[in-house]
């Protein structure tokens, strides 16, 4: 029996406009809701060794109007060096509750120092421990716990991510896939899933 193409549980995925709106809504929710699928996202960069590098980061900002996302990191982390060498990145989210995959192609800018002082002031004390460790992130140590953590505003960096394109896949009753590009005003194009 053919599937009902107007299943009410996936109305939001039936038009390009509402699909894109749903993706942005999931990203915005990820900033506010610690239990949201888009809270902890996968960010991929091109490693210095030429291999793709993927890691989980916490989404700290999502601005649909500006087309920007934001994550925070230790300035001395490998991802900062990778993004300075090649600012292209990809962000991935899988939201199992609504069966939506979000992939975003991004251009990164690293902000530090006075540019991020106001953001640092809003970082909770417990979270500040992620920005300042000895030795620096990724450095070899002899034992698993042979490091110290001391908050340091000078090690705090904001990775501002300009969204250039989205590839959205909804695996509902009827699978749908679309690509949206900033360059064409987010008009969108359906793709075979």
Protein backbone atom coordinates (compact mmCIF):
# COMPACT_ATOMS: atom_id res chain seq x y z
CA UNK A 1 0.00 0.00 0.00
CA UNK A 2 1.44 3.45 -0.90
CA UNK A 3 2.47 5.69 1.96
CA UNK A 4 0.43 8.74 2.81
CA UNK A 5 2.47 11.71 1.47
CA UNK A 6 0.65 14.07 3.86
CA UNK A 7 1.41 12.29 7.15
CA UNK A 8 0.69 15.03 9.73
CA UNK A 9 3.71 14.05 11.84
CA UNK A 10 6.04 15.29 9.12
CA UNK A 11 4.22 18.37 7.79
CA UNK A 12 7.27 20.49 8.60
CA UNK A 13 9.39 18.40 6.20
CA UNK A 14 7.07 18.77 3.21
CA UNK A 15 8.21 22.15 1.92
CA UNK A 16 11.67 23.59 1.44
CA UNK A 17 10.85 26.62 3.57
CA UNK A 18 9.47 24.69 6.55
CA UNK A 19 12.27 22.11 6.38
CA UNK A 20 14.90 24.85 6.60
CA UNK A 21 12.96 26.57 9.41
CA UNK A 22 12.81 23.27 11.31
CA UNK A 23 16.58 22.82 11.02
CA UNK A 24 17.25 26.31 12.36
CA UNK A 25 14.72 25.75 15.16
CA UNK A 26 16.59 22.58 16.20
CA UNK A 27 19.92 24.47 16.23
CA UNK A 28 18.52 27.39 18.23
CA UNK A 29 17.00 24.95 20.71
CA UNK A 30 20.38 23.24 21.07
CA UNK A 31 21.84 26.45 22.47
CA UNK A 32 19.16 26.76 25.17
CA UNK A 33 18.27 23.15 26.01
CA UNK A 34 20.97 20.86 27.46
CA UNK A 35 18.92 17.80 26.44
CA UNK A 36 18.41 18.85 22.81
CA UNK A 37 20.02 16.79 20.05
CA UNK A 38 21.72 19.90 18.69
CA UNK A 39 23.37 20.76 22.02
CA UNK A 40 26.40 18.53 21.49
CA UNK A 41 27.24 18.50 17.81
CA UNK A 42 30.03 17.04 15.71
CA UNK A 43 32.42 19.57 14.20
CA UNK A 44 34.79 18.37 11.49
CA UNK A 45 37.89 20.11 10.22
CA UNK A 46 40.83 19.21 8.00
CA UNK A 47 43.71 18.03 10.18
CA UNK A 48 47.31 19.12 9.75
CA UNK A 49 48.05 15.53 8.68
CA UNK A 50 45.49 15.76 5.85
CA UNK A 51 42.94 13.52 7.57
CA UNK A 52 39.45 14.76 8.46
CA UNK A 53 39.15 15.43 12.19
CA UNK A 54 35.76 15.17 13.94
CA UNK A 55 34.98 16.03 17.54
CA UNK A 56 32.00 16.75 19.72
CA UNK A 57 31.55 20.39 20.73
CA UNK A 58 28.81 22.24 22.58
CA UNK A 59 26.73 24.58 20.44
CA UNK A 60 26.83 27.98 22.18
CA UNK A 61 25.16 30.22 19.60
CA UNK A 62 22.75 29.94 16.67
CA UNK A 63 21.53 33.04 14.84
CA UNK A 64 19.26 32.31 11.88
CA UNK A 65 19.14 35.94 10.70
CA UNK A 66 22.94 36.22 10.61
CA UNK A 67 23.34 32.63 9.38
CA UNK A 68 25.87 31.94 12.13
CA UNK A 69 26.65 29.27 14.70
CA UNK A 70 29.10 29.49 17.58
CA UNK A 71 31.18 27.12 19.68
CA UNK A 72 33.78 27.78 22.36
CA UNK A 73 37.17 26.12 22.68
CA UNK A 74 40.60 26.34 24.22
CA UNK A 75 42.70 28.60 22.00
CA UNK A 76 45.53 26.05 22.11
CA UNK A 77 43.41 23.16 20.79
CA UNK A 78 44.18 21.46 17.49
CA UNK A 79 40.88 22.60 15.98
CA UNK A 80 41.97 26.24 16.27
CA UNK A 81 45.21 25.59 14.39
CA UNK A 82 43.32 23.53 11.80
CA UNK A 83 40.74 26.26 11.23
CA UNK A 84 43.41 28.93 10.99
CA UNK A 85 45.13 26.87 8.28
CA UNK A 86 41.84 26.13 6.46
CA UNK A 87 38.68 27.84 7.74
CA UNK A 88 36.32 25.32 6.15
CA UNK A 89 34.43 23.06 8.53
CA UNK A 90 31.37 20.83 8.65
CA UNK A 91 28.90 20.49 11.49
CA UNK A 92 26.72 17.39 11.90
CA UNK A 93 23.60 16.82 14.01
CA UNK A 94 21.37 13.75 14.18
CA UNK A 95 18.05 14.45 15.90
CA UNK A 96 16.60 10.97 16.48
CA UNK A 97 13.35 12.32 17.92
CA UNK A 98 12.31 13.87 14.59
CA UNK A 99 14.55 11.74 12.31
CA UNK A 100 16.41 14.77 10.98
CA UNK A 101 20.06 14.91 9.93
CA UNK A 102 21.57 18.38 9.66
CA UNK A 103 24.89 18.87 7.89
CA UNK A 104 26.21 22.40 7.61
CA UNK A 105 29.13 23.61 5.52
CA UNK A 106 30.82 26.43 7.38
CA UNK A 107 33.52 29.07 7.23
CA UNK A 108 35.14 29.65 10.62
CA UNK A 109 36.60 32.74 12.23
CA UNK A 110 38.53 32.50 15.50
CA UNK A 111 37.79 35.28 18.00
CA UNK A 112 39.97 35.87 21.08
CA UNK A 113 40.99 38.39 23.73
CA UNK A 114 39.01 41.62 23.88
CA UNK A 115 36.68 40.32 21.12
CA UNK A 116 35.35 37.65 23.49
CA UNK A 117 35.70 39.28 26.92
CA UNK A 118 31.93 39.77 27.31
CA UNK A 119 31.31 36.11 26.42
CA UNK A 120 33.95 34.98 28.93
CA UNK A 121 32.14 36.97 31.64
CA UNK A 122 29.01 34.86 30.94
CA UNK A 123 30.79 31.48 31.09
CA UNK A 124 29.82 29.75 34.37
CA UNK A 125 32.69 29.14 36.81
CA UNK A 126 32.47 25.35 36.41
CA UNK A 127 32.65 25.59 32.62
CA UNK A 128 35.67 27.90 32.70
CA UNK A 129 37.79 24.91 33.67
CA UNK A 130 37.67 23.80 30.01
CA UNK A 131 39.75 26.82 29.01
CA UNK A 132 43.16 26.56 30.60
CA UNK A 133 45.07 23.41 31.34
CA UNK A 134 48.68 22.43 31.74
CA UNK A 135 49.95 21.03 29.55
CA UNK A 136 47.92 22.35 26.60
CA UNK A 137 45.17 20.15 25.10
CA UNK A 138 46.49 17.24 23.05
CA UNK A 139 50.00 17.28 24.50
CA UNK A 140 51.49 13.95 25.61
CA UNK A 141 51.39 13.10 29.32
CA UNK A 142 52.87 10.12 31.19
CA UNK A 143 49.74 9.24 33.21
CA UNK A 144 46.02 9.68 32.44
CA UNK A 145 45.49 12.37 35.10
CA UNK A 146 48.85 14.12 34.88
CA UNK A 147 47.45 17.55 34.06
CA UNK A 148 45.99 20.52 35.91
CA UNK A 149 43.02 22.70 35.03
CA UNK A 150 43.03 26.37 35.87
CA UNK A 151 40.61 28.77 34.14
CA UNK A 152 42.43 31.25 31.94
CA UNK A 153 40.59 33.87 29.90
CA UNK A 154 43.62 34.11 27.58
CA UNK A 155 43.02 30.49 26.51
CA UNK A 156 39.32 31.08 25.75
CA UNK A 157 38.38 31.28 22.07
CA UNK A 158 35.10 31.61 20.22
CA UNK A 159 34.74 29.84 16.90
CA UNK A 160 32.23 31.84 14.88
CA UNK A 161 30.84 29.72 12.06
CA UNK A 162 29.23 31.29 9.03
CA UNK A 163 26.81 28.80 7.48
CA UNK A 164 27.42 28.54 3.73
CA UNK A 165 25.14 25.57 3.02
CA UNK A 166 22.87 22.99 4.63
CA UNK A 167 22.22 19.42 3.53
CA UNK A 168 19.10 18.26 5.37
CA UNK A 169 17.76 14.71 5.39
CA UNK A 170 14.45 13.74 7.01
CA UNK A 171 14.03 9.99 7.40
CA UNK A 172 10.30 9.98 8.07
CA UNK A 173 7.51 7.95 6.56
CA UNK A 174 8.68 9.40 3.24
CA UNK A 175 12.38 10.27 3.08
CA UNK A 176 13.21 13.80 1.97
CA UNK A 177 16.51 15.53 1.32
CA UNK A 178 17.28 19.12 0.35
CA UNK A 179 20.28 21.39 -0.06
CA UNK A 180 20.21 25.08 0.84
CA UNK A 181 22.94 27.59 -0.03
CA UNK A 182 23.55 31.04 1.35
CA UNK A 183 24.76 32.14 -2.11
CA UNK A 184 21.27 31.68 -3.62
CA UNK A 185 19.37 33.21 -0.71
CA UNK A 186 18.55 29.84 0.87
CA UNK A 187 16.10 29.00 -1.96
CA UNK A 188 16.68 25.29 -1.54
CA UNK A 189 16.70 22.34 -3.93
CA UNK A 190 15.20 18.92 -3.36
CA UNK A 191 17.67 16.05 -3.76
CA UNK A 192 17.12 12.31 -4.00
CA UNK A 193 17.57 11.00 -0.45
